[in-house]
N, C-alpha and C. Protein backbone atom coordinates (compact mmCIF):
# COMPACT_ATOMS: atom_id res chain seq x y z
N MET A 1 -74.34 -42.67 -57.65
CA MET A 1 -73.52 -43.62 -56.59
C MET A 1 -74.21 -43.57 -55.14
N SER A 2 -74.36 -44.76 -54.61
CA SER A 2 -74.83 -44.98 -53.24
C SER A 2 -73.65 -45.05 -52.37
N LEU A 3 -73.68 -44.15 -51.55
CA LEU A 3 -72.55 -44.05 -50.63
C LEU A 3 -72.92 -44.40 -49.26
N ASP A 4 -71.97 -45.19 -48.68
CA ASP A 4 -72.29 -45.67 -47.02
C ASP A 4 -71.31 -44.68 -46.39
N LEU A 5 -72.02 -43.75 -45.94
CA LEU A 5 -71.34 -42.55 -45.27
C LEU A 5 -70.76 -43.07 -43.93
N ASP A 6 -71.37 -44.11 -43.16
CA ASP A 6 -70.96 -44.52 -42.11
C ASP A 6 -69.46 -45.05 -42.25
N SER A 7 -69.31 -45.87 -43.43
CA SER A 7 -68.17 -46.68 -43.59
C SER A 7 -66.90 -45.51 -44.01
N VAL A 8 -67.15 -44.59 -44.53
CA VAL A 8 -66.25 -43.36 -45.05
C VAL A 8 -65.79 -42.74 -43.82
N ILE A 9 -66.79 -42.48 -43.04
CA ILE A 9 -66.64 -41.59 -41.87
C ILE A 9 -65.78 -42.50 -40.72
N GLU A 10 -65.93 -43.68 -40.95
CA GLU A 10 -65.20 -44.68 -39.84
C GLU A 10 -63.77 -44.85 -40.55
N ARG A 11 -63.74 -44.89 -41.67
CA ARG A 11 -62.28 -44.88 -42.03
C ARG A 11 -61.49 -43.54 -41.88
N LEU A 12 -62.30 -42.49 -41.95
CA LEU A 12 -61.51 -41.07 -41.74
C LEU A 12 -61.19 -41.14 -40.46
N GLU A 13 -62.16 -41.51 -39.28
CA GLU A 13 -61.94 -41.33 -37.89
C GLU A 13 -60.77 -42.44 -37.51
N SER A 14 -60.21 -43.35 -38.34
CA SER A 14 -59.45 -44.42 -37.85
C SER A 14 -57.99 -43.65 -37.75
N ALA A 15 -57.86 -42.53 -38.41
CA ALA A 15 -56.82 -41.69 -37.98
C ALA A 15 -56.59 -40.89 -36.89
N ARG A 16 -57.79 -41.23 -35.98
CA ARG A 16 -57.56 -40.56 -34.61
C ARG A 16 -56.46 -41.31 -33.77
N GLY A 17 -55.49 -40.54 -33.20
CA GLY A 17 -54.61 -40.95 -32.22
C GLY A 17 -53.17 -41.34 -33.01
N SER A 18 -53.28 -41.13 -34.71
CA SER A 18 -52.15 -41.26 -35.31
C SER A 18 -51.62 -39.93 -35.40
N ARG A 19 -50.36 -39.98 -36.01
CA ARG A 19 -49.35 -38.74 -36.10
C ARG A 19 -50.19 -37.84 -37.24
N PRO A 20 -50.11 -36.55 -37.14
CA PRO A 20 -50.77 -35.67 -38.19
C PRO A 20 -49.86 -36.07 -39.52
N GLY A 21 -50.93 -36.06 -40.56
CA GLY A 21 -50.41 -36.19 -41.94
C GLY A 21 -50.56 -37.55 -42.34
N THR A 22 -51.11 -38.51 -41.17
CA THR A 22 -51.38 -39.82 -41.55
C THR A 22 -52.51 -39.90 -42.79
N CYS A 23 -52.22 -40.85 -43.93
CA CYS A 23 -53.09 -40.96 -44.83
C CYS A 23 -54.21 -41.87 -44.53
N VAL A 24 -55.41 -41.43 -45.01
CA VAL A 24 -56.62 -42.14 -44.99
C VAL A 24 -57.10 -42.40 -46.42
N SER A 25 -57.14 -43.55 -46.97
CA SER A 25 -57.56 -43.75 -48.31
C SER A 25 -59.08 -43.37 -48.62
N ILE A 26 -59.56 -42.62 -49.45
CA ILE A 26 -60.81 -42.83 -49.81
C ILE A 26 -60.87 -42.37 -51.45
N SER A 27 -61.65 -42.80 -52.09
CA SER A 27 -61.52 -42.50 -53.50
C SER A 27 -62.16 -41.14 -53.87
N ASP A 28 -61.86 -40.84 -55.15
CA ASP A 28 -62.39 -39.43 -55.34
C ASP A 28 -63.92 -39.55 -55.48
N LYS A 29 -64.45 -40.61 -55.84
CA LYS A 29 -65.97 -40.81 -55.95
C LYS A 29 -66.59 -40.50 -54.62
N GLU A 30 -65.86 -41.26 -53.48
CA GLU A 30 -66.51 -41.02 -52.14
C GLU A 30 -66.12 -39.58 -51.68
N ALA A 31 -64.99 -38.92 -51.96
CA ALA A 31 -64.93 -37.85 -51.40
C ALA A 31 -65.91 -36.68 -52.08
N ALA A 32 -66.17 -36.68 -53.41
CA ALA A 32 -67.20 -36.05 -53.90
C ALA A 32 -68.62 -36.22 -53.50
N ALA A 33 -68.98 -37.58 -53.24
CA ALA A 33 -70.36 -37.98 -52.81
C ALA A 33 -70.38 -37.45 -51.20
N LEU A 34 -69.20 -37.40 -50.41
CA LEU A 34 -69.08 -37.13 -49.00
C LEU A 34 -69.47 -35.44 -48.97
N ILE A 35 -68.89 -34.75 -50.00
CA ILE A 35 -68.86 -33.40 -50.12
C ILE A 35 -70.36 -32.87 -50.26
N ALA A 36 -70.79 -33.64 -51.55
CA ALA A 36 -72.36 -33.46 -51.91
C ALA A 36 -73.26 -33.56 -50.76
N ALA A 37 -73.02 -35.02 -49.84
CA ALA A 37 -73.92 -35.14 -48.45
C ALA A 37 -73.77 -33.83 -47.58
N ALA A 38 -72.48 -33.42 -47.29
CA ALA A 38 -72.41 -32.37 -46.47
C ALA A 38 -73.16 -31.09 -46.99
N GLU A 39 -72.89 -30.83 -48.12
CA GLU A 39 -73.46 -29.65 -48.78
C GLU A 39 -74.96 -29.62 -48.50
N GLU A 40 -75.43 -30.75 -48.96
CA GLU A 40 -77.11 -30.87 -48.66
C GLU A 40 -77.40 -30.75 -47.36
N VAL A 41 -76.67 -31.10 -46.29
CA VAL A 41 -77.01 -30.97 -44.96
C VAL A 41 -77.03 -29.48 -44.58
N VAL A 42 -75.85 -28.91 -44.98
CA VAL A 42 -75.54 -27.44 -44.57
C VAL A 42 -76.80 -26.53 -45.18
N LEU A 43 -77.18 -26.86 -46.57
CA LEU A 43 -78.15 -26.19 -47.14
C LEU A 43 -79.45 -26.12 -46.56
N ARG A 44 -79.82 -27.35 -46.03
CA ARG A 44 -80.98 -27.56 -45.04
C ARG A 44 -81.03 -26.79 -43.89
N GLN A 45 -79.90 -26.34 -43.35
CA GLN A 45 -80.07 -25.71 -42.28
C GLN A 45 -80.72 -24.04 -42.18
N PRO A 46 -81.38 -23.85 -41.14
CA PRO A 46 -81.66 -22.36 -41.30
C PRO A 46 -80.37 -21.34 -40.99
N VAL A 47 -80.76 -20.25 -41.32
CA VAL A 47 -79.77 -19.20 -41.19
C VAL A 47 -79.30 -19.07 -39.87
N LEU A 48 -80.41 -18.80 -38.87
CA LEU A 48 -80.15 -18.57 -37.52
C LEU A 48 -80.44 -20.05 -36.88
N LEU A 49 -79.27 -20.30 -36.02
CA LEU A 49 -79.84 -21.41 -35.25
C LEU A 49 -80.12 -21.16 -33.84
N GLN A 50 -80.83 -21.83 -33.20
CA GLN A 50 -81.44 -21.68 -32.08
C GLN A 50 -80.69 -22.63 -31.21
N ILE A 51 -79.78 -22.43 -30.30
CA ILE A 51 -79.00 -23.49 -29.82
C ILE A 51 -78.92 -23.25 -28.35
N GLU A 52 -78.65 -24.24 -27.37
CA GLU A 52 -78.76 -24.19 -26.17
C GLU A 52 -77.38 -24.27 -25.44
N ALA A 53 -77.09 -23.59 -24.23
CA ALA A 53 -75.71 -23.67 -23.36
C ALA A 53 -75.60 -25.05 -22.91
N PRO A 54 -74.65 -25.66 -22.59
CA PRO A 54 -73.45 -25.06 -23.10
C PRO A 54 -72.87 -25.39 -24.28
N LEU A 55 -72.02 -24.51 -24.91
CA LEU A 55 -71.65 -24.89 -26.29
C LEU A 55 -70.13 -24.41 -26.44
N GLN A 56 -69.47 -24.99 -27.33
CA GLN A 56 -68.07 -24.74 -27.30
C GLN A 56 -67.72 -24.24 -28.79
N ILE A 57 -67.22 -23.02 -28.76
CA ILE A 57 -67.06 -22.38 -30.11
C ILE A 57 -65.48 -22.64 -30.39
N VAL A 58 -65.12 -23.11 -31.46
CA VAL A 58 -63.64 -23.29 -31.86
C VAL A 58 -63.40 -22.41 -33.07
N GLY A 59 -62.24 -22.03 -33.15
CA GLY A 59 -61.92 -21.12 -34.42
C GLY A 59 -61.53 -21.97 -35.57
N ASP A 60 -61.06 -21.44 -36.56
CA ASP A 60 -60.93 -21.90 -37.99
C ASP A 60 -59.56 -23.01 -37.76
N ILE A 61 -59.76 -24.17 -38.37
CA ILE A 61 -58.82 -25.26 -38.09
C ILE A 61 -57.88 -25.31 -39.53
N HIS A 62 -58.27 -24.25 -40.28
CA HIS A 62 -57.50 -24.20 -41.64
C HIS A 62 -57.31 -25.57 -42.33
N GLY A 63 -58.51 -26.36 -42.24
CA GLY A 63 -58.35 -27.65 -42.96
C GLY A 63 -57.64 -28.79 -42.45
N GLN A 64 -57.09 -28.50 -41.26
CA GLN A 64 -56.14 -29.55 -40.72
C GLN A 64 -57.15 -30.56 -39.93
N PHE A 65 -57.30 -31.82 -40.55
CA PHE A 65 -57.86 -32.92 -40.28
C PHE A 65 -57.75 -33.44 -38.85
N HIS A 66 -56.49 -33.47 -38.61
CA HIS A 66 -55.92 -34.00 -37.39
C HIS A 66 -56.37 -33.08 -36.32
N ASP A 67 -56.53 -31.78 -36.56
CA ASP A 67 -56.88 -30.70 -35.51
C ASP A 67 -58.36 -31.07 -35.22
N LEU A 68 -59.06 -31.29 -36.32
CA LEU A 68 -60.51 -31.68 -35.99
C LEU A 68 -60.75 -33.00 -35.16
N LEU A 69 -59.97 -34.10 -35.43
CA LEU A 69 -60.14 -35.08 -34.68
C LEU A 69 -59.69 -34.96 -33.29
N ARG A 70 -58.81 -34.02 -32.94
CA ARG A 70 -58.28 -33.69 -31.63
C ARG A 70 -59.59 -33.08 -30.96
N LEU A 71 -60.17 -32.32 -31.76
CA LEU A 71 -61.33 -31.40 -31.14
C LEU A 71 -62.39 -32.45 -30.66
N PHE A 72 -62.56 -33.34 -31.38
CA PHE A 72 -63.61 -34.48 -31.33
C PHE A 72 -63.23 -35.11 -30.14
N GLU A 73 -62.11 -35.58 -29.76
CA GLU A 73 -61.44 -36.09 -28.74
C GLU A 73 -61.71 -35.34 -27.40
N PHE A 74 -61.59 -33.94 -27.65
CA PHE A 74 -61.61 -33.27 -26.34
C PHE A 74 -63.27 -33.06 -26.07
N ARG A 75 -64.04 -32.83 -27.05
CA ARG A 75 -65.49 -32.36 -26.69
C ARG A 75 -66.42 -33.34 -27.12
N GLY A 76 -65.95 -34.48 -27.79
CA GLY A 76 -67.05 -35.41 -28.39
C GLY A 76 -67.38 -35.02 -29.69
N VAL A 77 -67.86 -36.04 -30.52
CA VAL A 77 -68.44 -35.86 -31.95
C VAL A 77 -69.69 -35.21 -31.82
N PRO A 78 -70.08 -34.14 -32.73
CA PRO A 78 -71.38 -33.59 -32.74
C PRO A 78 -72.63 -34.74 -32.97
N PRO A 79 -73.65 -34.28 -32.36
CA PRO A 79 -74.83 -35.16 -32.63
C PRO A 79 -75.20 -35.16 -34.01
């Protein structure tokens, strides 16, 4: 299945500024494809990352998507 990642991410980001628990509709196939694409990116990363300051380290958000969106508002979306 060809997945338009930008379209899915745009729909997910549309919840920004909404109340926590706001539903964003993506299909099972889109969710599975998004997870597979993310897994592919993670598996290509080296075990040791060489990063430069400044950097922001955040704790576990416990799967709370709204909290992730708030972090993106505070520090910006990662490159």
